[in-house]
Amino acid sequence: MTTDQFNSAMETVLEWGPERMKTDDERLAVRCPGMSPKERAEAIRVCGQVTSRAYEYAAKAKSGGTHLVIKALRKEWPGLSSENASRAVSQAMYYHWRETGE
C-alpha cells in the first residue's frame, strides 16, 4: 500500500455524514480504483488500528497532549499525514467523551 493509498483509506474511514451509508470498502474503491479488494481490506484494517490507538490516547489528548498523540501516531505509522492523524485524534476524543462523559 502506498502512502497516498493509506491516506485515502484514512480519509475514507474518518468520513462522517451521509457518506457513511456505504461501507468503507465501497467508498475506498471509488477513491482508489486500482486497489484490489484484498488491498482495500488490508488498508481498512490498518486504518482501524490507527483509530483504535488514537482512542487509547484520547484521555491524554484531552488533557492537553494532542500534539504528542499526533506525533506518536505518526511515529508508529510514518506514512500517516498530519491532517489524518489530527482528525483521528479529534474523533477519538469525541468518542471518548461520548462513551465516558469525560
N, C-alpha and C. Protein backbone atom coordinates (compact mmCIF):
# COMPACT_ATOMS: atom_id res chain seq x y z
N MET A 1 0.86 -1.17 0.00
CA MET A 1 0.00 0.00 0.00
C MET A 1 0.91 1.24 0.00
N THR A 2 0.61 2.14 -0.91
CA THR A 2 1.38 3.37 -0.98
C THR A 2 0.91 4.35 0.10
N THR A 3 1.72 5.36 0.34
CA THR A 3 1.35 6.41 1.30
C THR A 3 0.06 7.09 0.88
N ASP A 4 -0.09 7.36 -0.42
CA ASP A 4 -1.31 8.00 -0.90
C ASP A 4 -2.53 7.11 -0.67
N GLN A 5 -2.38 5.82 -0.94
CA GLN A 5 -3.49 4.89 -0.71
C GLN A 5 -3.83 4.81 0.78
N PHE A 6 -2.82 4.78 1.61
CA PHE A 6 -3.03 4.73 3.06
C PHE A 6 -3.80 5.96 3.52
N ASN A 7 -3.39 7.14 3.07
CA ASN A 7 -4.07 8.36 3.50
C ASN A 7 -5.47 8.48 2.88
N SER A 8 -5.65 7.96 1.68
CA SER A 8 -7.00 7.92 1.11
C SER A 8 -7.89 6.99 1.93
N ALA A 9 -7.33 5.87 2.35
CA ALA A 9 -8.09 4.95 3.20
C ALA A 9 -8.42 5.60 4.54
N MET A 10 -7.48 6.32 5.11
CA MET A 10 -7.75 7.02 6.38
C MET A 10 -8.85 8.05 6.19
N GLU A 11 -8.79 8.81 5.11
CA GLU A 11 -9.84 9.80 4.85
C GLU A 11 -11.20 9.11 4.73
N THR A 12 -11.21 7.95 4.10
CA THR A 12 -12.44 7.19 3.93
C THR A 12 -12.98 6.73 5.29
N VAL A 13 -12.12 6.15 6.10
CA VAL A 13 -12.52 5.62 7.40
C VAL A 13 -12.97 6.75 8.33
N LEU A 14 -12.37 7.92 8.18
CA LEU A 14 -12.68 9.05 9.08
C LEU A 14 -13.87 9.89 8.62
N GLU A 15 -14.43 9.58 7.44
CA GLU A 15 -15.57 10.36 6.93
C GLU A 15 -16.76 10.27 7.87
N TRP A 16 -17.46 11.38 7.98
CA TRP A 16 -18.72 11.44 8.73
C TRP A 16 -19.79 11.92 7.76
N GLY A 17 -21.02 11.72 8.13
CA GLY A 17 -22.12 12.23 7.33
C GLY A 17 -22.77 11.15 6.50
N PRO A 18 -23.52 11.58 5.49
CA PRO A 18 -24.29 10.63 4.69
C PRO A 18 -23.41 9.62 3.95
N GLU A 19 -22.14 9.94 3.75
CA GLU A 19 -21.23 9.00 3.08
C GLU A 19 -21.14 7.69 3.85
N ARG A 20 -21.37 7.73 5.15
CA ARG A 20 -21.24 6.54 5.99
C ARG A 20 -22.32 5.50 5.70
N MET A 21 -23.28 5.84 4.87
CA MET A 21 -24.32 4.87 4.50
C MET A 21 -23.72 3.73 3.67
N LYS A 22 -22.60 4.00 3.00
CA LYS A 22 -21.90 2.97 2.23
C LYS A 22 -20.75 2.44 3.08
N THR A 23 -20.32 1.24 2.78
CA THR A 23 -19.22 0.65 3.54
C THR A 23 -17.91 1.36 3.22
N ASP A 24 -16.95 1.20 4.12
CA ASP A 24 -15.62 1.76 3.88
C ASP A 24 -15.06 1.20 2.58
N ASP A 25 -15.26 -0.10 2.35
CA ASP A 25 -14.75 -0.74 1.14
C ASP A 25 -15.34 -0.11 -0.13
N GLU A 26 -16.64 0.12 -0.12
CA GLU A 26 -17.29 0.72 -1.30
C GLU A 26 -16.73 2.12 -1.58
N ARG A 27 -16.59 2.90 -0.52
CA ARG A 27 -16.10 4.27 -0.70
C ARG A 27 -14.62 4.30 -1.08
N LEU A 28 -13.83 3.38 -0.52
CA LEU A 28 -12.41 3.32 -0.87
C LEU A 28 -12.23 2.85 -2.31
N ALA A 29 -13.08 1.97 -2.78
CA ALA A 29 -13.00 1.51 -4.17
C ALA A 29 -13.17 2.67 -5.15
N VAL A 30 -13.98 3.64 -4.78
CA VAL A 30 -14.17 4.82 -5.63
C VAL A 30 -12.94 5.72 -5.56
N ARG A 31 -12.41 5.90 -4.37
CA ARG A 31 -11.23 6.77 -4.19
C ARG A 31 -9.97 6.17 -4.81
N CYS A 32 -9.84 4.86 -4.70
CA CYS A 32 -8.63 4.18 -5.17
C CYS A 32 -9.02 2.99 -6.06
N PRO A 33 -9.48 3.26 -7.27
CA PRO A 33 -9.98 2.17 -8.12
C PRO A 33 -8.93 1.13 -8.48
N GLY A 34 -7.65 1.47 -8.35
CA GLY A 34 -6.60 0.50 -8.69
C GLY A 34 -6.31 -0.51 -7.60
N MET A 35 -6.88 -0.32 -6.42
CA MET A 35 -6.63 -1.26 -5.32
C MET A 35 -7.55 -2.48 -5.46
N SER A 36 -7.00 -3.64 -5.20
CA SER A 36 -7.79 -4.87 -5.22
C SER A 36 -8.64 -4.95 -3.94
N PRO A 37 -9.65 -5.79 -3.94
CA PRO A 37 -10.44 -5.96 -2.71
C PRO A 37 -9.57 -6.36 -1.51
N LYS A 38 -8.59 -7.21 -1.75
CA LYS A 38 -7.69 -7.63 -0.67
C LYS A 38 -6.85 -6.45 -0.16
N GLU A 39 -6.36 -5.63 -1.06
CA GLU A 39 -5.58 -4.45 -0.66
C GLU A 39 -6.45 -3.46 0.11
N ARG A 40 -7.68 -3.29 -0.35
CA ARG A 40 -8.60 -2.37 0.36
C ARG A 40 -8.87 -2.89 1.77
N ALA A 41 -9.11 -4.19 1.89
CA ALA A 41 -9.38 -4.78 3.20
C ALA A 41 -8.20 -4.57 4.14
N GLU A 42 -7.00 -4.75 3.63
CA GLU A 42 -5.80 -4.55 4.45
C GLU A 42 -5.66 -3.08 4.84
N ALA A 43 -5.90 -2.19 3.92
CA ALA A 43 -5.81 -0.75 4.23
C ALA A 43 -6.83 -0.36 5.30
N ILE A 44 -8.02 -0.85 5.18
CA ILE A 44 -9.07 -0.55 6.15
C ILE A 44 -8.72 -1.14 7.52
N ARG A 45 -8.12 -2.32 7.53
CA ARG A 45 -7.69 -2.95 8.78
C ARG A 45 -6.64 -2.09 9.48
N VAL A 46 -5.66 -1.62 8.72
CA VAL A 46 -4.60 -0.78 9.29
C VAL A 46 -5.19 0.53 9.80
N CYS A 47 -6.12 1.10 9.05
CA CYS A 47 -6.77 2.34 9.50
C CYS A 47 -7.53 2.11 10.80
N GLY A 48 -8.11 0.94 10.95
CA GLY A 48 -8.77 0.60 12.21
C GLY A 48 -7.79 0.55 13.36
N GLN A 49 -6.57 0.09 13.10
CA GLN A 49 -5.54 0.08 14.13
C GLN A 49 -5.19 1.51 14.54
N VAL A 50 -5.08 2.39 13.55
CA VAL A 50 -4.76 3.80 13.83
C VAL A 50 -5.85 4.43 14.70
N THR A 51 -7.10 4.24 14.30
CA THR A 51 -8.19 4.87 15.06
C THR A 51 -8.31 4.25 16.45
N SER A 52 -8.04 2.97 16.59
CA SER A 52 -8.06 2.34 17.91
C SER A 52 -6.97 2.91 18.80
N ARG A 53 -5.79 3.07 18.25
CA ARG A 53 -4.68 3.63 19.02
C ARG A 53 -4.99 5.07 19.41
N ALA A 54 -5.57 5.82 18.50
CA ALA A 54 -5.94 7.21 18.82
C ALA A 54 -6.93 7.22 19.99
N TYR A 55 -7.85 6.27 20.00
CA TYR A 55 -8.81 6.19 21.11
C TYR A 55 -8.10 5.87 22.42
N GLU A 56 -7.11 4.99 22.37
CA GLU A 56 -6.34 4.66 23.58
C GLU A 56 -5.67 5.90 24.15
N TYR A 57 -5.27 6.81 23.28
CA TYR A 57 -4.59 8.03 23.70
C TYR A 57 -5.54 9.20 23.98
N ALA A 58 -6.84 9.00 23.80
CA ALA A 58 -7.80 10.11 23.86
C ALA A 58 -7.75 10.89 25.16
N ALA A 59 -7.67 10.21 26.29
CA ALA A 59 -7.65 10.92 27.58
C ALA A 59 -6.41 11.81 27.66
N LYS A 60 -5.28 11.31 27.20
CA LYS A 60 -4.05 12.10 27.21
C LYS A 60 -4.21 13.32 26.30
N ALA A 61 -4.81 13.10 25.13
CA ALA A 61 -5.00 14.21 24.19
C ALA A 61 -5.90 15.27 24.80
N LYS A 62 -6.95 14.83 25.50
CA LYS A 62 -7.89 15.79 26.09
C LYS A 62 -7.26 16.57 27.24
N SER A 63 -6.20 16.06 27.82
CA SER A 63 -5.54 16.79 28.91
C SER A 63 -4.43 17.69 28.39
N GLY A 64 -4.46 17.98 27.11
CA GLY A 64 -3.51 18.93 26.54
C GLY A 64 -2.38 18.32 25.75
N GLY A 65 -2.41 17.03 25.55
CA GLY A 65 -1.32 16.37 24.85
C GLY A 65 -1.62 16.02 23.41
N THR A 66 -2.52 16.76 22.77
CA THR A 66 -2.91 16.44 21.40
C THR A 66 -1.71 16.34 20.47
N HIS A 67 -0.82 17.30 20.53
CA HIS A 67 0.35 17.30 19.63
C HIS A 67 1.24 16.08 19.89
N LEU A 68 1.33 15.63 21.14
CA LEU A 68 2.13 14.44 21.45
C LEU A 68 1.47 13.17 20.90
N VAL A 69 0.16 13.13 20.96
CA VAL A 69 -0.56 11.98 20.43
C VAL A 69 -0.42 11.91 18.91
N ILE A 70 -0.56 13.05 18.25
CA ILE A 70 -0.38 13.09 16.80
C ILE A 70 1.04 12.62 16.44
N LYS A 71 2.00 13.09 17.19
CA LYS A 71 3.40 12.70 16.95
C LYS A 71 3.58 11.20 17.16
N ALA A 72 2.96 10.64 18.21
CA ALA A 72 3.07 9.21 18.49
C ALA A 72 2.43 8.38 17.37
N LEU A 73 1.27 8.81 16.89
CA LEU A 73 0.62 8.08 15.79
C LEU A 73 1.48 8.11 14.54
N ARG A 74 2.05 9.27 14.25
CA ARG A 74 2.87 9.39 13.04
C ARG A 74 4.19 8.63 13.18
N LYS A 75 4.66 8.46 14.41
CA LYS A 75 5.87 7.66 14.61
C LYS A 75 5.56 6.18 14.35
N GLU A 76 4.39 5.73 14.83
CA GLU A 76 4.00 4.33 14.64
C GLU A 76 3.63 4.03 13.18
N TRP A 77 3.01 5.00 12.52
CA TRP A 77 2.62 4.88 11.11
C TRP A 77 3.21 6.07 10.36
N PRO A 78 4.47 5.97 9.93
CA PRO A 78 5.17 7.11 9.31
C PRO A 78 4.48 7.70 8.08
N GLY A 79 3.69 6.92 7.37
CA GLY A 79 3.02 7.44 6.19
C GLY A 79 1.75 8.24 6.50
N LEU A 80 1.33 8.24 7.74
CA LEU A 80 0.12 8.93 8.15
C LEU A 80 0.32 10.44 8.08
N SER A 81 -0.54 11.11 7.35
CA SER A 81 -0.41 12.57 7.23
C SER A 81 -0.77 13.25 8.55
N SER A 82 -0.24 14.44 8.75
CA SER A 82 -0.56 15.21 9.95
C SER A 82 -2.06 15.47 10.04
N GLU A 83 -2.66 15.78 8.91
CA GLU A 83 -4.09 16.07 8.88
C GLU A 83 -4.92 14.85 9.29
N ASN A 84 -4.59 13.69 8.76
CA ASN A 84 -5.34 12.49 9.12
C ASN A 84 -5.09 12.08 10.57
N ALA A 85 -3.86 12.27 11.06
CA ALA A 85 -3.58 11.98 12.47
C ALA A 85 -4.40 12.91 13.36
N SER A 86 -4.46 14.17 13.00
CA SER A 86 -5.23 15.15 13.78
C SER A 86 -6.72 14.79 13.77
N ARG A 87 -7.24 14.43 12.62
CA ARG A 87 -8.66 14.04 12.52
C ARG A 87 -8.94 12.79 13.34
N ALA A 88 -8.03 11.82 13.31
CA ALA A 88 -8.21 10.59 14.09
C ALA A 88 -8.25 10.91 15.58
N VAL A 89 -7.38 11.80 16.02
CA VAL A 89 -7.35 12.18 17.43
C VAL A 89 -8.62 12.93 17.81
N SER A 90 -9.05 13.85 16.96
CA SER A 90 -10.28 14.60 17.24
C SER A 90 -11.49 13.66 17.37
N GLN A 91 -11.60 12.72 16.44
CA GLN A 91 -12.71 11.77 16.52
C GLN A 91 -12.59 10.88 17.76
N ALA A 92 -11.38 10.48 18.08
CA ALA A 92 -11.18 9.63 19.27
C ALA A 92 -11.60 10.39 20.53
N MET A 93 -11.26 11.66 20.60
CA MET A 93 -11.65 12.45 21.77
C MET A 93 -13.17 12.58 21.85
N TYR A 94 -13.82 12.76 20.72
CA TYR A 94 -15.28 12.83 20.69
C TYR A 94 -15.89 11.52 21.20
N TYR A 95 -15.43 10.40 20.65
CA TYR A 95 -15.99 9.11 21.06
C TYR A 95 -15.69 8.82 22.53
N HIS A 96 -14.51 9.19 22.98
CA HIS A 96 -14.16 9.01 24.39
C HIS A 96 -15.11 9.82 25.27
N TRP A 97 -15.35 11.05 24.91
CA TRP A 97 -16.29 11.91 25.67
C TRP A 97 -17.68 11.29 25.65
N ARG A 98 -18.14 10.87 24.46
CA ARG A 98 -19.49 10.31 24.33
C ARG A 98 -19.67 9.05 25.17
N GLU A 99 -18.62 8.23 25.23
CA GLU A 99 -18.72 6.97 25.96
C GLU A 99 -18.47 7.10 27.45
N THR A 100 -17.66 8.08 27.85
CA THR A 100 -17.28 8.18 29.26
C THR A 100 -17.85 9.42 29.95
N GLY A 101 -18.26 10.41 29.17
CA GLY A 101 -18.73 11.65 29.76
C GLY A 101 -17.60 12.55 30.23
N GLU A 102 -16.37 12.13 30.02
CA GLU A 102 -15.20 12.91 30.46
C GLU A 102 -14.66 13.77 29.35
